[in-house]
């Protein structure tokens, strides 16, 4: 592997620098808190979605193993079942 030359610009670094400077200009002292929360959401949201749909597929597999349909009431083929489960959990 070769290292890039110092004169080579990194588009991702340029983008993040731009977001940071514009964000701090718009939000001032609140920017570090907003940026931290945005990074937390950017990591946790996909993880939570993956866990929800892995649970959905686990329930479908168990339904197939027990010769029953499994979750199929919400959305096409039950694909919205994890969202319905999350709403039910929050309402309880």
C-alpha atoms as a PDB file:
ATOM      1  CA  UNK A   1       0.000   0.000   0.000  1.00  0.00           C
ATOM      2  CA  UNK A   2       1.210   3.430  -0.826  1.00  0.00           C
ATOM      3  CA  UNK A   3       0.376   6.505   1.142  1.00  0.00           C
ATOM      4  CA  UNK A   4      -1.316   9.363  -0.671  1.00  0.00           C
ATOM      5  CA  UNK A   5       0.753  12.458  -1.239  1.00  0.00           C
ATOM      6  CA  UNK A   6       0.288  15.402   1.063  1.00  0.00           C
ATOM      7  CA  UNK A   7      -1.065  17.480  -1.837  1.00  0.00           C
ATOM      8  CA  UNK A   8      -3.905  14.989  -2.466  1.00  0.00           C
ATOM      9  CA  UNK A   9      -7.195  16.169  -0.998  1.00  0.00           C
ATOM     10  CA  UNK A  10      -9.630  13.826   0.643  1.00  0.00           C
ATOM     11  CA  UNK A  11     -13.247  14.563  -0.380  1.00  0.00           C
ATOM     12  CA  UNK A  12     -14.657  13.137   2.858  1.00  0.00           C
ATOM     13  CA  UNK A  13     -12.317  15.292   4.934  1.00  0.00           C
ATOM     14  CA  UNK A  14     -13.290  18.348   2.891  1.00  0.00           C
ATOM     15  CA  UNK A  15     -16.986  17.551   3.395  1.00  0.00           C
ATOM     16  CA  UNK A  16     -16.642  17.086   7.164  1.00  0.00           C
ATOM     17  CA  UNK A  17     -14.623  20.281   7.474  1.00  0.00           C
ATOM     18  CA  UNK A  18     -17.309  22.139   5.546  1.00  0.00           C
ATOM     19  CA  UNK A  19     -20.096  20.706   7.736  1.00  0.00           C
ATOM     20  CA  UNK A  20     -18.200  21.571  10.902  1.00  0.00           C
ATOM     21  CA  UNK A  21     -17.434  25.164   9.907  1.00  0.00           C
ATOM     22  CA  UNK A  22     -20.946  25.865   8.603  1.00  0.00           C
ATOM     23  CA  UNK A  23     -22.560  24.186  11.601  1.00  0.00           C
ATOM     24  CA  UNK A  24     -20.532  26.154  14.106  1.00  0.00           C
ATOM     25  CA  UNK A  25     -21.297  29.358  12.191  1.00  0.00           C
ATOM     26  CA  UNK A  26     -25.049  28.673  12.282  1.00  0.00           C
ATOM     27  CA  UNK A  27     -25.460  27.223  15.781  1.00  0.00           C
ATOM     28  CA  UNK A  28     -22.577  28.802  17.662  1.00  0.00           C
ATOM     29  CA  UNK A  29     -21.922  27.262  21.079  1.00  0.00           C
ATOM     30  CA  UNK A  30     -24.688  24.651  20.635  1.00  0.00           C
ATOM     31  CA  UNK A  31     -22.874  23.107  17.650  1.00  0.00           C
ATOM     32  CA  UNK A  32     -20.750  20.543  19.571  1.00  0.00           C
ATOM     33  CA  UNK A  33     -23.871  19.138  21.245  1.00  0.00           C
ATOM     34  CA  UNK A  34     -25.802  18.980  17.959  1.00  0.00           C
ATOM     35  CA  UNK A  35     -22.855  17.386  16.121  1.00  0.00           C
ATOM     36  CA  UNK A  36     -22.377  14.809  18.880  1.00  0.00           C
ATOM     37  CA  UNK A  37     -26.087  13.896  18.852  1.00  0.00           C
ATOM     38  CA  UNK A  38     -26.042  13.630  15.047  1.00  0.00           C
ATOM     39  CA  UNK A  39     -23.103  11.216  15.191  1.00  0.00           C
ATOM     40  CA  UNK A  40     -24.822   9.130  17.870  1.00  0.00           C
ATOM     41  CA  UNK A  41     -27.998   8.899  15.766  1.00  0.00           C
ATOM     42  CA  UNK A  42     -25.954   8.062  12.660  1.00  0.00           C
ATOM     43  CA  UNK A  43     -24.499   5.049  14.463  1.00  0.00           C
ATOM     44  CA  UNK A  44     -27.494   3.883  16.495  1.00  0.00           C
ATOM     45  CA  UNK A  45     -30.296   4.206  13.911  1.00  0.00           C
ATOM     46  CA  UNK A  46     -28.880   1.611  11.465  1.00  0.00           C
ATOM     47  CA  UNK A  47     -28.002  -0.710  14.360  1.00  0.00           C
ATOM     48  CA  UNK A  48     -31.527  -0.502  15.752  1.00  0.00           C
ATOM     49  CA  UNK A  49     -33.017  -1.114  12.305  1.00  0.00           C
ATOM     50  CA  UNK A  50     -30.781  -4.162  11.838  1.00  0.00           C
ATOM     51  CA  UNK A  51     -31.784  -5.590  15.216  1.00  0.00           C
ATOM     52  CA  UNK A  52     -35.467  -4.989  14.468  1.00  0.00           C
ATOM     53  CA  UNK A  53     -35.353  -6.751  11.121  1.00  0.00           C
ATOM     54  CA  UNK A  54     -33.161  -9.585  12.412  1.00  0.00           C
ATOM     55  CA  UNK A  55     -35.852 -10.151  15.042  1.00  0.00           C
ATOM     56  CA  UNK A  56     -38.474 -10.082  12.280  1.00  0.00           C
ATOM     57  CA  UNK A  57     -36.624 -12.726  10.250  1.00  0.00           C
ATOM     58  CA  UNK A  58     -36.097 -14.815  13.376  1.00  0.00           C
ATOM     59  CA  UNK A  59     -39.842 -14.757  14.012  1.00  0.00           C
ATOM     60  CA  UNK A  60     -40.533 -15.699  10.373  1.00  0.00           C
ATOM     61  CA  UNK A  61     -38.076 -18.603  10.623  1.00  0.00           C
ATOM     62  CA  UNK A  62     -39.590 -19.831  13.883  1.00  0.00           C
ATOM     63  CA  UNK A  63     -43.050 -19.561  12.300  1.00  0.00           C
ATOM     64  CA  UNK A  64     -41.865 -21.637   9.357  1.00  0.00           C
ATOM     65  CA  UNK A  65     -40.294 -24.227  11.696  1.00  0.00           C
ATOM     66  CA  UNK A  66     -43.564 -24.509  13.637  1.00  0.00           C
ATOM     67  CA  UNK A  67     -45.599 -24.687  10.404  1.00  0.00           C
ATOM     68  CA  UNK A  68     -47.422 -21.422  10.946  1.00  0.00           C
ATOM     69  CA  UNK A  69     -47.362 -18.107   9.128  1.00  0.00           C
ATOM     70  CA  UNK A  70     -45.395 -15.927  11.535  1.00  0.00           C
ATOM     71  CA  UNK A  71     -45.735 -12.133  11.634  1.00  0.00           C
ATOM     72  CA  UNK A  72     -47.805 -11.078   8.632  1.00  0.00           C
ATOM     73  CA  UNK A  73     -50.430  -8.616   9.855  1.00  0.00           C
ATOM     74  CA  UNK A  74     -48.702  -5.247   9.373  1.00  0.00           C
ATOM     75  CA  UNK A  75     -47.620  -4.099   5.925  1.00  0.00           C
ATOM     76  CA  UNK A  76     -46.860  -6.215   2.878  1.00  0.00           C
ATOM     77  CA  UNK A  77     -45.699  -9.602   4.114  1.00  0.00           C
ATOM     78  CA  UNK A  78     -45.337  -8.265   7.652  1.00  0.00           C
ATOM     79  CA  UNK A  79     -42.393  -5.993   6.800  1.00  0.00           C
ATOM     80  CA  UNK A  80     -43.712  -3.236   9.059  1.00  0.00           C
ATOM     81  CA  UNK A  81     -44.013  -5.591  12.036  1.00  0.00           C
ATOM     82  CA  UNK A  82     -40.806  -4.329  13.763  1.00  0.00           C
ATOM     83  CA  UNK A  83     -42.165  -0.773  13.648  1.00  0.00           C
ATOM     84  CA  UNK A  84     -45.503  -1.933  15.074  1.00  0.00           C
ATOM     85  CA  UNK A  85     -43.643  -3.846  17.817  1.00  0.00           C
ATOM     86  CA  UNK A  86     -41.616  -0.732  18.707  1.00  0.00           C
ATOM     87  CA  UNK A  87     -44.745   1.448  18.866  1.00  0.00           C
ATOM     88  CA  UNK A  88     -46.491  -1.137  21.022  1.00  0.00           C
ATOM     89  CA  UNK A  89     -43.502  -1.240  23.370  1.00  0.00           C
ATOM     90  CA  UNK A  90     -43.453   2.561  23.689  1.00  0.00           C
ATOM     91  CA  UNK A  91     -47.191   2.760  24.395  1.00  0.00           C
ATOM     92  CA  UNK A  92     -47.068   0.119  27.148  1.00  0.00           C
END
